[in-house]
PDB file of N, CA and C in Angstrom:
ATOM      1  N   UNK A   1      34.971  48.009  21.734  1.00  0.00           N
ATOM      2  CA  UNK A   1      33.369  47.975  21.433  1.00  0.00           C
ATOM      3  C   UNK A   1      33.334  46.926  20.663  1.00  0.00           C
ATOM      4  N   UNK A   2      32.288  46.251  20.856  1.00  0.00           N
ATOM      5  CA  UNK A   2      31.743  44.984  19.931  1.00  0.00           C
ATOM      6  C   UNK A   2      31.376  45.423  18.715  1.00  0.00           C
ATOM      7  N   UNK A   3      31.793  44.788  17.660  1.00  0.00           N
ATOM      8  CA  UNK A   3      30.926  44.480  16.421  1.00  0.00           C
ATOM      9  C   UNK A   3      29.655  44.591  16.073  1.00  0.00           C
ATOM     10  N   UNK A   4      29.350  45.502  14.856  1.00  0.00           N
ATOM     11  CA  UNK A   4      27.193  45.291  15.374  1.00  0.00           C
ATOM     12  C   UNK A   4      26.963  43.767  14.435  1.00  0.00           C
ATOM     13  N   UNK A   5      25.984  43.205  15.775  1.00  0.00           N
ATOM     14  CA  UNK A   5      25.956  42.044  14.911  1.00  0.00           C
ATOM     15  C   UNK A   5      24.340  42.009  15.843  1.00  0.00           C
ATOM     16  N   UNK A   6      23.704  41.114  15.359  1.00  0.00           N
ATOM     17  CA  UNK A   6      22.065  40.846  15.880  1.00  0.00           C
ATOM     18  C   UNK A   6      22.140  39.391  15.592  1.00  0.00           C
ATOM     19  N   UNK A   7      22.161  38.645  17.063  1.00  0.00           N
ATOM     20  CA  UNK A   7      22.197  37.059  17.005  1.00  0.00           C
ATOM     21  C   UNK A   7      20.474  37.071  16.603  1.00  0.00           C
ATOM     22  N   UNK A   8      20.395  35.533  15.323  1.00  0.00           N
ATOM     23  CA  UNK A   8      19.307  35.137  14.847  1.00  0.00           C
ATOM     24  C   UNK A   8      18.354  34.657  16.277  1.00  0.00           C
ATOM     25  N   UNK A   9      19.341  34.067  16.950  1.00  0.00           N
ATOM     26  CA  UNK A   9      18.425  33.386  18.182  1.00  0.00           C
ATOM     27  C   UNK A   9      17.776  33.917  19.229  1.00  0.00           C
ATOM     28  N   UNK A  10      17.721  35.161  19.324  1.00  0.00           N
ATOM     29  CA  UNK A  10      17.091  36.098  20.114  1.00  0.00           C
ATOM     30  C   UNK A  10      15.709  36.695  19.813  1.00  0.00           C
ATOM     31  N   UNK A  11      15.192  37.244  20.313  1.00  0.00           N
ATOM     32  CA  UNK A  11      13.771  38.198  20.075  1.00  0.00           C
ATOM     33  C   UNK A  11      14.223  39.401  20.385  1.00  0.00           C
ATOM     34  N   UNK A  12      13.809  40.630  19.629  1.00  0.00           N
ATOM     35  CA  UNK A  12      13.754  41.701  19.822  1.00  0.00           C
ATOM     36  C   UNK A  12      12.753  42.689  20.299  1.00  0.00           C
ATOM     37  N   UNK A  13      13.220  43.714  20.837  1.00  0.00           N
ATOM     38  CA  UNK A  13      11.472  45.007  21.233  1.00  0.00           C
ATOM     39  C   UNK A  13      12.242  45.795  20.554  1.00  0.00           C
ATOM     40  N   UNK A  14      10.659  46.595  20.202  1.00  0.00           N
ATOM     41  CA  UNK A  14      11.024  47.836  19.199  1.00  0.00           C
ATOM     42  C   UNK A  14      12.018  48.621  20.148  1.00  0.00           C
ATOM     43  N   UNK A  15      12.135  49.271  21.619  1.00  0.00           N
ATOM     44  CA  UNK A  15      12.814  49.960  22.341  1.00  0.00           C
ATOM     45  C   UNK A  15      14.102  49.456  22.579  1.00  0.00           C
ATOM     46  N   UNK A  16      14.583  48.217  21.776  1.00  0.00           N
ATOM     47  CA  UNK A  16      16.321  48.254  21.517  1.00  0.00           C
ATOM     48  C   UNK A  16      16.903  47.266  22.582  1.00  0.00           C
ATOM     49  N   UNK A  17      15.936  46.398  23.045  1.00  0.00           N
ATOM     50  CA  UNK A  17      15.980  45.272  23.900  1.00  0.00           C
ATOM     51  C   UNK A  17      16.005  43.900  23.637  1.00  0.00           C
ATOM     52  N   UNK A  18      16.562  43.030  23.803  1.00  0.00           N
ATOM     53  CA  UNK A  18      16.621  42.010  23.144  1.00  0.00           C
ATOM     54  C   UNK A  18      15.959  40.746  24.420  1.00  0.00           C
ATOM     55  N   UNK A  19      15.880  39.346  24.110  1.00  0.00           N
ATOM     56  CA  UNK A  19      15.284  38.211  25.037  1.00  0.00           C
ATOM     57  C   UNK A  19      16.073  37.288  24.541  1.00  0.00           C
ATOM     58  N   UNK A  20      16.382  36.281  24.916  1.00  0.00           N
ATOM     59  CA  UNK A  20      16.864  34.899  24.723  1.00  0.00           C
ATOM     60  C   UNK A  20      16.115  34.139  25.570  1.00  0.00           C
ATOM     61  N   UNK A  21      14.669  33.401  24.872  1.00  0.00           N
ATOM     62  CA  UNK A  21      14.077  32.760  25.565  1.00  0.00           C
ATOM     63  C   UNK A  21      14.483  31.081  25.770  1.00  0.00           C
ATOM     64  N   UNK A  22      14.509  30.330  26.762  1.00  0.00           N
ATOM     65  CA  UNK A  22      15.278  28.896  27.089  1.00  0.00           C
ATOM     66  C   UNK A  22      14.168  28.577  28.377  1.00  0.00           C
ATOM     67  N   UNK A  23      13.036  27.633  27.371  1.00  0.00           N
ATOM     68  CA  UNK A  23      12.301  26.917  28.339  1.00  0.00           C
ATOM     69  C   UNK A  23      11.063  28.258  29.099  1.00  0.00           C
ATOM     70  N   UNK A  24      10.985  27.816  30.275  1.00  0.00           N
ATOM     71  CA  UNK A  24      10.026  29.289  30.514  1.00  0.00           C
ATOM     72  C   UNK A  24      10.931  30.697  31.212  1.00  0.00           C
ATOM     73  N   UNK A  25      12.149  30.198  30.784  1.00  0.00           N
ATOM     74  CA  UNK A  25      13.288  31.150  31.147  1.00  0.00           C
ATOM     75  C   UNK A  25      13.921  32.286  30.000  1.00  0.00           C
ATOM     76  N   UNK A  26      13.943  33.862  30.292  1.00  0.00           N
ATOM     77  CA  UNK A  26      14.320  34.082  29.385  1.00  0.00           C
ATOM     78  C   UNK A  26      15.770  35.414  30.066  1.00  0.00           C
ATOM     79  N   UNK A  27      16.567  35.520  29.360  1.00  0.00           N
ATOM     80  CA  UNK A  27      17.483  36.200  29.495  1.00  0.00           C
ATOM     81  C   UNK A  27      17.238  37.502  28.791  1.00  0.00           C
ATOM     82  N   UNK A  28      17.938  38.747  29.542  1.00  0.00           N
ATOM     83  CA  UNK A  28      17.259  39.761  28.735  1.00  0.00           C
ATOM     84  C   UNK A  28      18.476  40.808  28.507  1.00  0.00           C
ATOM     85  N   UNK A  29      18.795  41.544  27.478  1.00  0.00           N
ATOM     86  CA  UNK A  29      19.475  42.307  27.480  1.00  0.00           C
ATOM     87  C   UNK A  29      19.390  43.843  26.391  1.00  0.00           C
ATOM     88  N   UNK A  30      20.461  44.434  26.146  1.00  0.00           N
ATOM     89  CA  UNK A  30      20.215  45.539  25.156  1.00  0.00           C
ATOM     90  C   UNK A  30      20.822  45.195  24.291  1.00  0.00           C
ATOM     91  N   UNK A  31      20.483  45.484  22.551  1.00  0.00           N
ATOM     92  CA  UNK A  31      21.207  45.529  21.982  1.00  0.00           C
ATOM     93  C   UNK A  31      22.623  46.228  21.122  1.00  0.00           C
ATOM     94  N   UNK A  32      23.174  46.120  20.273  1.00  0.00           N
ATOM     95  CA  UNK A  32      24.118  46.390  19.574  1.00  0.00           C
ATOM     96  C   UNK A  32      23.823  48.336  19.668  1.00  0.00           C
ATOM     97  N   UNK A  33      22.691  48.145  18.552  1.00  0.00           N
ATOM     98  CA  UNK A  33      22.175  49.390  18.248  1.00  0.00           C
ATOM     99  C   UNK A  33      22.153  50.443  19.777  1.00  0.00           C
ATOM    100  N   UNK A  34      21.419  49.514  20.915  1.00  0.00           N
ATOM    101  CA  UNK A  34      21.018  50.733  21.895  1.00  0.00           C
ATOM    102  C   UNK A  34      22.551  51.234  22.537  1.00  0.00           C
ATOM    103  N   UNK A  35      23.650  49.969  22.579  1.00  0.00           N
ATOM    104  CA  UNK A  35      24.629  50.517  23.608  1.00  0.00           C
ATOM    105  C   UNK A  35      25.100  51.258  22.716  1.00  0.00           C
ATOM    106  N   UNK A  36      25.415  50.819  21.368  1.00  0.00           N
ATOM    107  CA  UNK A  36      26.595  52.140  20.197  1.00  0.00           C
ATOM    108  C   UNK A  36      25.826  53.655  20.527  1.00  0.00           C
ATOM    109  N   UNK A  37      24.428  53.489  20.987  1.00  0.00           N
ATOM    110  CA  UNK A  37      23.893  55.063  20.726  1.00  0.00           C
ATOM    111  C   UNK A  37      23.943  55.651  22.064  1.00  0.00           C
ATOM    112  N   UNK A  38      24.132  54.649  23.040  1.00  0.00           N
ATOM    113  CA  UNK A  38      25.001  54.931  24.032  1.00  0.00           C
ATOM    114  C   UNK A  38      26.290  55.754  24.611  1.00  0.00           C
ATOM    115  N   UNK A  39      26.746  54.992  24.042  1.00  0.00           N
ATOM    116  CA  UNK A  39      28.310  55.326  24.466  1.00  0.00           C
ATOM    117  C   UNK A  39      29.304  53.964  25.204  1.00  0.00           C
ATOM    118  N   UNK A  40      30.282  54.796  25.741  1.00  0.00           N
ATOM    119  CA  UNK A  40      30.350  54.231  26.946  1.00  0.00           C
ATOM    120  C   UNK A  40      29.576  53.889  28.423  1.00  0.00           C
ATOM    121  N   UNK A  41      29.249  52.769  28.496  1.00  0.00           N
ATOM    122  CA  UNK A  41      28.391  52.334  29.820  1.00  0.00           C
ATOM    123  C   UNK A  41      29.569  52.654  31.140  1.00  0.00           C
ATOM    124  N   UNK A  42      28.886  53.500  32.320  1.00  0.00           N
ATOM    125  CA  UNK A  42      29.175  53.607  32.929  1.00  0.00           C
ATOM    126  C   UNK A  42      29.198  53.051  34.450  1.00  0.00           C
ATOM    127  N   UNK A  43      27.461  52.697  34.382  1.00  0.00           N
ATOM    128  CA  UNK A  43      26.714  52.056  35.579  1.00  0.00           C
ATOM    129  C   UNK A  43      25.273  51.406  35.067  1.00  0.00           C
ATOM    130  N   UNK A  44      25.052  50.612  35.781  1.00  0.00           N
ATOM    131  CA  UNK A  44      23.990  49.957  35.579  1.00  0.00           C
ATOM    132  C   UNK A  44      22.759  49.871  36.759  1.00  0.00           C
ATOM    133  N   UNK A  45      21.724  50.113  36.770  1.00  0.00           N
ATOM    134  CA  UNK A  45      20.775  49.806  37.936  1.00  0.00           C
ATOM    135  C   UNK A  45      19.806  48.871  37.425  1.00  0.00           C
ATOM    136  N   UNK A  46      19.933  47.479  38.212  1.00  0.00           N
ATOM    137  CA  UNK A  46      18.720  46.252  37.793  1.00  0.00           C
ATOM    138  C   UNK A  46      17.967  46.276  38.994  1.00  0.00           C
ATOM    139  N   UNK A  47      17.098  45.898  38.771  1.00  0.00           N
ATOM    140  CA  UNK A  47      16.019  45.362  39.876  1.00  0.00           C
ATOM    141  C   UNK A  47      16.671  44.390  40.602  1.00  0.00           C
ATOM    142  N   UNK A  48      16.107  43.831  41.799  1.00  0.00           N
ATOM    143  CA  UNK A  48      16.379  43.260  42.860  1.00  0.00           C
ATOM    144  C   UNK A  48      15.754  41.527  42.174  1.00  0.00           C
ATOM    145  N   UNK A  49      16.415  40.521  42.691  1.00  0.00           N
ATOM    146  CA  UNK A  49      15.857  39.113  42.473  1.00  0.00           C
ATOM    147  C   UNK A  49      14.365  39.352  43.389  1.00  0.00           C
ATOM    148  N   UNK A  50      13.412  38.971  42.801  1.00  0.00           N
ATOM    149  CA  UNK A  50      11.805  38.551  43.329  1.00  0.00           C
ATOM    150  C   UNK A  50      11.213  39.447  42.444  1.00  0.00           C
ATOM    151  N   UNK A  51      11.743  40.729  41.647  1.00  0.00           N
ATOM    152  CA  UNK A  51      11.265  41.758  41.053  1.00  0.00           C
ATOM    153  C   UNK A  51       9.881  41.378  40.430  1.00  0.00           C
ATOM    154  N   UNK A  52       8.809  41.445  39.870  1.00  0.00           N
ATOM    155  CA  UNK A  52       8.357  41.658  38.624  1.00  0.00           C
ATOM    156  C   UNK A  52       8.147  42.310  37.745  1.00  0.00           C
ATOM    157  N   UNK A  53       8.473  42.109  36.782  1.00  0.00           N
ATOM    158  CA  UNK A  53       8.890  43.036  35.551  1.00  0.00           C
ATOM    159  C   UNK A  53       7.690  42.607  34.587  1.00  0.00           C
ATOM    160  N   UNK A  54       7.310  43.762  33.742  1.00  0.00           N
ATOM    161  CA  UNK A  54       6.138  43.507  32.915  1.00  0.00           C
ATOM    162  C   UNK A  54       6.512  44.037  31.433  1.00  0.00           C
ATOM    163  N   UNK A  55       6.107  43.134  30.491  1.00  0.00           N
ATOM    164  CA  UNK A  55       6.439  43.674  28.748  1.00  0.00           C
ATOM    165  C   UNK A  55       5.987  44.606  28.819  1.00  0.00           C
ATOM    166  N   UNK A  56       7.043  45.674  28.379  1.00  0.00           N
ATOM    167  CA  UNK A  56       7.102  47.076  27.494  1.00  0.00           C
ATOM    168  C   UNK A  56       7.211  48.274  28.655  1.00  0.00           C
ATOM    169  N   UNK A  57       7.779  47.419  29.715  1.00  0.00           N
ATOM    170  CA  UNK A  57       7.730  49.098  30.996  1.00  0.00           C
ATOM    171  C   UNK A  57       8.943  48.883  31.669  1.00  0.00           C
ATOM    172  N   UNK A  58       9.405  50.394  31.851  1.00  0.00           N
ATOM    173  CA  UNK A  58      10.967  49.981  32.486  1.00  0.00           C
ATOM    174  C   UNK A  58      11.701  49.120  33.564  1.00  0.00           C
ATOM    175  N   UNK A  59      12.834  48.229  33.865  1.00  0.00           N
ATOM    176  CA  UNK A  59      12.531  47.847  34.821  1.00  0.00           C
ATOM    177  C   UNK A  59      14.208  48.113  35.391  1.00  0.00           C
ATOM    178  N   UNK A  60      15.141  48.601  34.650  1.00  0.00           N
ATOM    179  CA  UNK A  60      16.405  48.694  34.790  1.00  0.00           C
ATOM    180  C   UNK A  60      16.903  50.296  33.939  1.00  0.00           C
ATOM    181  N   UNK A  61      18.154  50.969  34.871  1.00  0.00           N
ATOM    182  CA  UNK A  61      18.561  52.140  33.841  1.00  0.00           C
ATOM    183  C   UNK A  61      20.284  51.657  33.742  1.00  0.00           C
ATOM    184  N   UNK A  62      20.866  52.299  32.536  1.00  0.00           N
ATOM    185  CA  UNK A  62      21.919  51.836  32.156  1.00  0.00           C
ATOM    186  C   UNK A  62      22.407  53.516  31.647  1.00  0.00           C
ATOM    187  N   UNK A  63      23.484  53.896  32.445  1.00  0.00           N
ATOM    188  CA  UNK A  63      23.876  55.261  32.329  1.00  0.00           C
ATOM    189  C   UNK A  63      25.307  55.073  31.556  1.00  0.00           C
ATOM    190  N   UNK A  64      25.486  55.906  30.623  1.00  0.00           N
ATOM    191  CA  UNK A  64      26.779  56.023  29.819  1.00  0.00           C
ATOM    192  C   UNK A  64      27.127  57.278  30.291  1.00  0.00           C
ATOM    193  N   UNK A  65      28.102  57.625  29.606  1.00  0.00           N
ATOM    194  CA  UNK A  65      28.660  58.889  29.723  1.00  0.00           C
ATOM    195  C   UNK A  65      27.876  60.164  28.838  1.00  0.00           C
ATOM    196  N   UNK A  66      27.283  59.266  27.849  1.00  0.00           N
ATOM    197  CA  UNK A  66      26.385  60.440  27.242  1.00  0.00           C
ATOM    198  C   UNK A  66      24.772  60.648  27.995  1.00  0.00           C
ATOM    199  N   UNK A  67      23.867  59.662  28.633  1.00  0.00           N
ATOM    200  CA  UNK A  67      22.940  59.873  29.272  1.00  0.00           C
ATOM    201  C   UNK A  67      22.658  58.802  30.325  1.00  0.00           C
ATOM    202  N   UNK A  68      21.233  58.772  30.796  1.00  0.00           N
ATOM    203  CA  UNK A  68      20.624  57.974  31.545  1.00  0.00           C
ATOM    204  C   UNK A  68      19.426  57.444  30.560  1.00  0.00           C
ATOM    205  N   UNK A  69      19.692  55.926  30.652  1.00  0.00           N
ATOM    206  CA  UNK A  69      18.295  55.639  29.921  1.00  0.00           C
ATOM    207  C   UNK A  69      17.713  54.438  30.084  1.00  0.00           C
ATOM    208  N   UNK A  70      16.413  54.524  30.533  1.00  0.00           N
ATOM    209  CA  UNK A  70      15.383  53.058  30.925  1.00  0.00           C
ATOM    210  C   UNK A  70      15.440  52.084  29.689  1.00  0.00           C
ATOM    211  N   UNK A  71      15.601  51.074  30.044  1.00  0.00           N
ATOM    212  CA  UNK A  71      15.730  49.590  29.767  1.00  0.00           C
ATOM    213  C   UNK A  71      14.173  48.935  29.722  1.00  0.00           C
ATOM    214  N   UNK A  72      13.827  48.813  28.916  1.00  0.00           N
ATOM    215  CA  UNK A  72      12.346  48.065  28.551  1.00  0.00           C
ATOM    216  C   UNK A  72      12.375  46.591  29.086  1.00  0.00           C
ATOM    217  N   UNK A  73      11.362  46.007  29.162  1.00  0.00           N
ATOM    218  CA  UNK A  73      11.167  44.392  29.459  1.00  0.00           C
ATOM    219  C   UNK A  73      10.606  43.396  28.089  1.00  0.00           C
ATOM    220  N   UNK A  74      11.286  43.256  27.181  1.00  0.00           N
ATOM    221  CA  UNK A  74      10.671  42.748  25.851  1.00  0.00           C
ATOM    222  C   UNK A  74       9.739  41.104  26.767  1.00  0.00           C
ATOM    223  N   UNK A  75       9.578  40.961  28.002  1.00  0.00           N
ATOM    224  CA  UNK A  75       8.396  39.944  28.097  1.00  0.00           C
ATOM    225  C   UNK A  75       7.962  40.179  30.106  1.00  0.00           C
ATOM    226  N   UNK A  76       6.848  39.618  30.532  1.00  0.00           N
ATOM    227  CA  UNK A  76       6.554  39.810  31.880  1.00  0.00           C
ATOM    228  C   UNK A  76       7.144  38.515  32.623  1.00  0.00           C
ATOM    229  N   UNK A  77       7.256  38.864  33.952  1.00  0.00           N
ATOM    230  CA  UNK A  77       7.866  37.786  34.880  1.00  0.00           C
ATOM    231  C   UNK A  77       8.528  38.319  36.054  1.00  0.00           C
ATOM    232  N   UNK A  78       9.165  36.760  36.456  1.00  0.00           N
ATOM    233  CA  UNK A  78       9.735  37.433  37.736  1.00  0.00           C
ATOM    234  C   UNK A  78      11.319  37.076  37.544  1.00  0.00           C
ATOM    235  N   UNK A  79      11.829  38.250  37.992  1.00  0.00           N
ATOM    236  CA  UNK A  79      13.443  38.066  37.814  1.00  0.00           C
ATOM    237  C   UNK A  79      14.408  37.384  39.037  1.00  0.00           C
ATOM    238  N   UNK A  80      14.714  36.090  38.227  1.00  0.00           N
ATOM    239  CA  UNK A  80      15.180  34.896  39.182  1.00  0.00           C
ATOM    240  C   UNK A  80      17.018  35.414  39.401  1.00  0.00           C
ATOM    241  N   UNK A  81      17.553  36.239  38.380  1.00  0.00           N
ATOM    242  CA  UNK A  81      18.970  36.380  38.625  1.00  0.00           C
ATOM    243  C   UNK A  81      19.585  37.784  37.613  1.00  0.00           C
ATOM    244  N   UNK A  82      20.247  38.380  38.511  1.00  0.00           N
ATOM    245  CA  UNK A  82      20.696  39.635  37.366  1.00  0.00           C
ATOM    246  C   UNK A  82      22.449  38.804  37.183  1.00  0.00           C
ATOM    247  N   UNK A  83      22.961  40.139  36.661  1.00  0.00           N
ATOM    248  CA  UNK A  83      24.018  39.750  36.389  1.00  0.00           C
ATOM    249  C   UNK A  83      25.010  40.290  37.208  1.00  0.00           C
ATOM    250  N   UNK A  84      25.853  39.327  38.327  1.00  0.00           N
ATOM    251  CA  UNK A  84      26.938  40.649  39.301  1.00  0.00           C
ATOM    252  C   UNK A  84      27.344  40.831  38.293  1.00  0.00           C
ATOM    253  N   UNK A  85      28.622  40.416  36.935  1.00  0.00           N
ATOM    254  CA  UNK A  85      29.236  41.217  37.286  1.00  0.00           C
ATOM    255  C   UNK A  85      29.244  42.659  36.433  1.00  0.00           C
ATOM    256  N   UNK A  86      28.056  42.977  36.268  1.00  0.00           N
ATOM    257  CA  UNK A  86      27.962  44.628  35.998  1.00  0.00           C
ATOM    258  C   UNK A  86      27.910  45.314  37.039  1.00  0.00           C
ATOM    259  N   UNK A  87      28.029  45.049  37.942  1.00  0.00           N
ATOM    260  CA  UNK A  87      28.123  46.259  39.346  1.00  0.00           C
ATOM    261  C   UNK A  87      29.792  47.143  39.373  1.00  0.00           C
ATOM    262  N   UNK A  88      30.770  45.893  38.581  1.00  0.00           N
ATOM    263  CA  UNK A  88      31.894  46.123  38.978  1.00  0.00           C
ATOM    264  C   UNK A  88      32.711  46.317  37.720  1.00  0.00           C
ATOM    265  N   UNK A  89      32.026  45.912  36.630  1.00  0.00           N
ATOM    266  CA  UNK A  89      32.382  46.289  35.349  1.00  0.00           C
ATOM    267  C   UNK A  89      31.140  46.507  33.930  1.00  0.00           C
ATOM    268  N   UNK A  90      30.579  47.686  34.199  1.00  0.00           N
ATOM    269  CA  UNK A  90      28.808  47.967  33.588  1.00  0.00           C
ATOM    270  C   UNK A  90      29.714  47.996  31.732  1.00  0.00           C
ATOM    271  N   UNK A  91      30.814  47.993  31.607  1.00  0.00           N
ATOM    272  CA  UNK A  91      31.226  48.349  30.506  1.00  0.00           C
ATOM    273  C   UNK A  91      30.988  46.910  29.401  1.00  0.00           C
ATOM    274  N   UNK A  92      30.905  45.908  30.559  1.00  0.00           N
ATOM    275  CA  UNK A  92      30.456  44.299  29.285  1.00  0.00           C
ATOM    276  C   UNK A  92      29.283  44.616  28.404  1.00  0.00           C
ATOM    277  N   UNK A  93      28.677  45.497  28.604  1.00  0.00           N
ATOM    278  CA  UNK A  93      27.962  45.670  28.156  1.00  0.00           C
ATOM    279  C   UNK A  93      28.214  45.922  26.275  1.00  0.00           C
ATOM    280  N   UNK A  94      29.083  47.063  26.418  1.00  0.00           N
ATOM    281  CA  UNK A  94      29.300  47.778  25.180  1.00  0.00           C
ATOM    282  C   UNK A  94      30.552  46.276  24.513  1.00  0.00           C
ATOM    283  N   UNK A  95      31.343  45.783  25.132  1.00  0.00           N
ATOM    284  CA  UNK A  95      31.999  44.304  25.188  1.00  0.00           C
ATOM    285  C   UNK A  95      31.451  43.528  24.009  1.00  0.00           C
ATOM    286  N   UNK A  96      29.878  43.225  25.145  1.00  0.00           N
ATOM    287  CA  UNK A  96      29.522  42.141  24.865  1.00  0.00           C
ATOM    288  C   UNK A  96      28.333  41.799  25.045  1.00  0.00           C
ATOM    289  N   UNK A  97      27.569  42.392  24.192  1.00  0.00           N
ATOM    290  CA  UNK A  97      25.885  42.864  24.555  1.00  0.00           C
ATOM    291  C   UNK A  97      24.806  42.169  24.983  1.00  0.00           C
ATOM    292  N   UNK A  98      25.366  40.351  24.083  1.00  0.00           N
ATOM    293  CA  UNK A  98      24.363  39.338  24.193  1.00  0.00           C
ATOM    294  C   UNK A  98      25.231  38.379  24.549  1.00  0.00           C
ATOM    295  N   UNK A  99      26.402  38.949  25.412  1.00  0.00           N
ATOM    296  CA  UNK A  99      26.869  37.594  26.275  1.00  0.00           C
ATOM    297  C   UNK A  99      27.271  37.935  27.511  1.00  0.00           C
ATOM    298  N   UNK A 100      28.869  38.302  28.024  1.00  0.00           N
ATOM    299  CA  UNK A 100      28.359  38.631  29.122  1.00  0.00           C
ATOM    300  C   UNK A 100      28.121  39.841  29.578  1.00  0.00           C
ATOM    301  N   UNK A 101      27.706  40.972  28.544  1.00  0.00           N
ATOM    302  CA  UNK A 101      26.584  42.150  29.004  1.00  0.00           C
ATOM    303  C   UNK A 101      25.346  41.658  29.300  1.00  0.00           C
ATOM    304  N   UNK A 102      24.625  40.502  29.316  1.00  0.00           N
ATOM    305  CA  UNK A 102      23.061  40.061  29.284  1.00  0.00           C
ATOM    306  C   UNK A 102      23.148  41.337  30.964  1.00  0.00           C
ATOM    307  N   UNK A 103      21.528  41.716  31.139  1.00  0.00           N
ATOM    308  CA  UNK A 103      21.247  42.073  32.094  1.00  0.00           C
ATOM    309  C   UNK A 103      20.477  41.374  33.350  1.00  0.00           C
ATOM    310  N   UNK A 104      19.277  40.494  33.284  1.00  0.00           N
ATOM    311  CA  UNK A 104      18.570  39.809  34.200  1.00  0.00           C
ATOM    312  C   UNK A 104      18.028  38.883  33.216  1.00  0.00           C
ATOM    313  N   UNK A 105      18.078  37.671  34.079  1.00  0.00           N
ATOM    314  CA  UNK A 105      16.903  36.692  33.866  1.00  0.00           C
ATOM    315  C   UNK A 105      15.595  36.547  34.426  1.00  0.00           C
ATOM    316  N   UNK A 106      14.547  36.348  33.421  1.00  0.00           N
ATOM    317  CA  UNK A 106      13.524  36.171  34.072  1.00  0.00           C
ATOM    318  C   UNK A 106      12.682  35.203  33.710  1.00  0.00           C
ATOM    319  N   UNK A 107      12.010  34.300  34.851  1.00  0.00           N
ATOM    320  CA  UNK A 107      10.750  33.451  35.147  1.00  0.00           C
ATOM    321  C   UNK A 107       9.634  33.659  34.183  1.00  0.00           C
ATOM    322  N   UNK A 108       9.423  33.460  32.551  1.00  0.00           N
ATOM    323  CA  UNK A 108       7.971  34.182  32.161  1.00  0.00           C
ATOM    324  C   UNK A 108       6.572  33.665  33.193  1.00  0.00           C
ATOM    325  N   UNK A 109       6.030  34.886  33.099  1.00  0.00           N
ATOM    326  CA  UNK A 109       4.309  34.555  33.327  1.00  0.00           C
ATOM    327  C   UNK A 109       3.561  34.410  32.169  1.00  0.00           C
ATOM    328  N   UNK A 110       4.172  34.696  31.311  1.00  0.00           N
ATOM    329  CA  UNK A 110       2.866  34.820  29.755  1.00  0.00           C
ATOM    330  C   UNK A 110       3.905  34.911  28.593  1.00  0.00           C
ATOM    331  N   UNK A 111       4.267  33.436  28.470  1.00  0.00           N
ATOM    332  CA  UNK A 111       5.415  32.978  27.084  1.00  0.00           C
ATOM    333  C   UNK A 111       4.197  33.544  26.084  1.00  0.00           C
ATOM    334  N   UNK A 112       3.406  33.600  25.697  1.00  0.00           N
ATOM    335  CA  UNK A 112       2.580  34.095  24.570  1.00  0.00           C
ATOM    336  C   UNK A 112       2.959  35.493  24.387  1.00  0.00           C
ATOM    337  N   UNK A 113       3.486  36.227  25.262  1.00  0.00           N
ATOM    338  CA  UNK A 113       3.839  37.249  25.338  1.00  0.00           C
ATOM    339  C   UNK A 113       4.854  38.152  24.107  1.00  0.00           C
ATOM    340  N   UNK A 114       5.550  36.396  23.718  1.00  0.00           N
ATOM    341  CA  UNK A 114       6.913  36.317  22.439  1.00  0.00           C
ATOM    342  C   UNK A 114       6.166  36.869  20.960  1.00  0.00           C
ATOM    343  N   UNK A 115       4.726  36.605  20.903  1.00  0.00           N
ATOM    344  CA  UNK A 115       3.992  37.208  19.623  1.00  0.00           C
ATOM    345  C   UNK A 115       4.417  38.357  19.486  1.00  0.00           C
ATOM    346  N   UNK A 116       4.672  39.207  20.574  1.00  0.00           N
ATOM    347  CA  UNK A 116       4.658  40.776  20.228  1.00  0.00           C
ATOM    348  C   UNK A 116       6.229  41.372  20.231  1.00  0.00           C
ATOM    349  N   UNK A 117       7.074  40.194  20.109  1.00  0.00           N
ATOM    350  CA  UNK A 117       8.097  40.380  19.883  1.00  0.00           C
ATOM    351  C   UNK A 117       9.014  40.295  18.099  1.00  0.00           C
ATOM    352  N   UNK A 118       9.688  40.772  17.641  1.00  0.00           N
ATOM    353  CA  UNK A 118      10.377  40.801  16.600  1.00  0.00           C
ATOM    354  C   UNK A 118      11.729  39.885  16.245  1.00  0.00           C
ATOM    355  N   UNK A 119      11.436  39.199  15.143  1.00  0.00           N
ATOM    356  CA  UNK A 119      12.861  38.228  14.964  1.00  0.00           C
ATOM    357  C   UNK A 119      14.039  39.446  14.278  1.00  0.00           C
ATOM    358  N   UNK A 120      14.850  38.672  14.020  1.00  0.00           N
ATOM    359  CA  UNK A 120      15.957  39.609  13.997  1.00  0.00           C
ATOM    360  C   UNK A 120      15.808  40.415  12.528  1.00  0.00           C
ATOM    361  N   UNK A 121      15.172  39.682  11.449  1.00  0.00           N
ATOM    362  CA  UNK A 121      14.790  40.392  10.065  1.00  0.00           C
ATOM    363  C   UNK A 121      14.013  41.973  10.420  1.00  0.00           C
ATOM    364  N   UNK A 122      13.081  41.441  11.102  1.00  0.00           N
ATOM    365  CA  UNK A 122      11.989  42.202  11.606  1.00  0.00           C
ATOM    366  C   UNK A 122      12.743  43.760  11.937  1.00  0.00           C
ATOM    367  N   UNK A 123      13.123  43.332  13.329  1.00  0.00           N
ATOM    368  CA  UNK A 123      14.250  44.234  14.029  1.00  0.00           C
ATOM    369  C   UNK A 123      15.395  45.478  13.209  1.00  0.00           C
ATOM    370  N   UNK A 124      15.888  44.231  12.559  1.00  0.00           N
ATOM    371  CA  UNK A 124      17.026  44.964  11.663  1.00  0.00           C
ATOM    372  C   UNK A 124      16.655  45.784  10.394  1.00  0.00           C
ATOM    373  N   UNK A 125      15.267  45.788  10.359  1.00  0.00           N
ATOM    374  CA  UNK A 125      14.732  46.307   9.023  1.00  0.00           C
ATOM    375  C   UNK A 125      14.595  47.986   9.999  1.00  0.00           C
ATOM    376  N   UNK A 126      14.144  48.094  10.912  1.00  0.00           N
ATOM    377  CA  UNK A 126      13.427  49.146  11.707  1.00  0.00           C
ATOM    378  C   UNK A 126      14.701  50.300  12.206  1.00  0.00           C
ATOM    379  N   UNK A 127      15.781  49.462  11.895  1.00  0.00           N
ATOM    380  CA  UNK A 127      17.180  50.521  12.071  1.00  0.00           C
ATOM    381  C   UNK A 127      17.549  50.795  11.131  1.00  0.00           C
ATOM    382  N   UNK A 128      16.820  50.767   9.863  1.00  0.00           N
ATOM    383  CA  UNK A 128      17.071  51.435   8.355  1.00  0.00           C
ATOM    384  C   UNK A 128      15.916  51.767   8.276  1.00  0.00           C
ATOM    385  N   UNK A 129      15.152  52.017   8.625  1.00  0.00           N
ATOM    386  CA  UNK A 129      13.560  52.855   8.345  1.00  0.00           C
ATOM    387  C   UNK A 129      13.677  54.389   8.759  1.00  0.00           C
TER     388      UNK A 129
END
C-alpha cells in the first residue's frame, strides 16, 4: 500500500477524487485517503471510451473487500482513455493511486470547472476537520 501523500500538482474534489490537468485533457483517480478508506481494491468498473462524464456525478465504481463506492468526476468531458491495467490488477489503485492507479483520461468540455476544485492545502485541511 502506498504512503499517505497528496501531490501538489493535482486538483482535488471533495469526494476524494483528483484531476491532473495537462492542456485540454485531465487524468482522474482517487486519492490516497479514498483508497485507504476502501481497503484492498479488488475490482474497478470504468466507463467506455467516448462516454461523457459530468462534474460531481458518478462515472465509475471501485469495489474493495469492504465496500463498493462510486467515483465522482472532478471535471466534465469525454473519456478518451481508460487504464487498461486495472482490469487485471485493480490493486494498482492501492499501490500507486496517483501514478499507475489512474482511472481515466478525459478531454475537458469546460476548463473553467477547475475553479470549483481544491488545491492540496484546501483538500488536506478537509481531512483533519
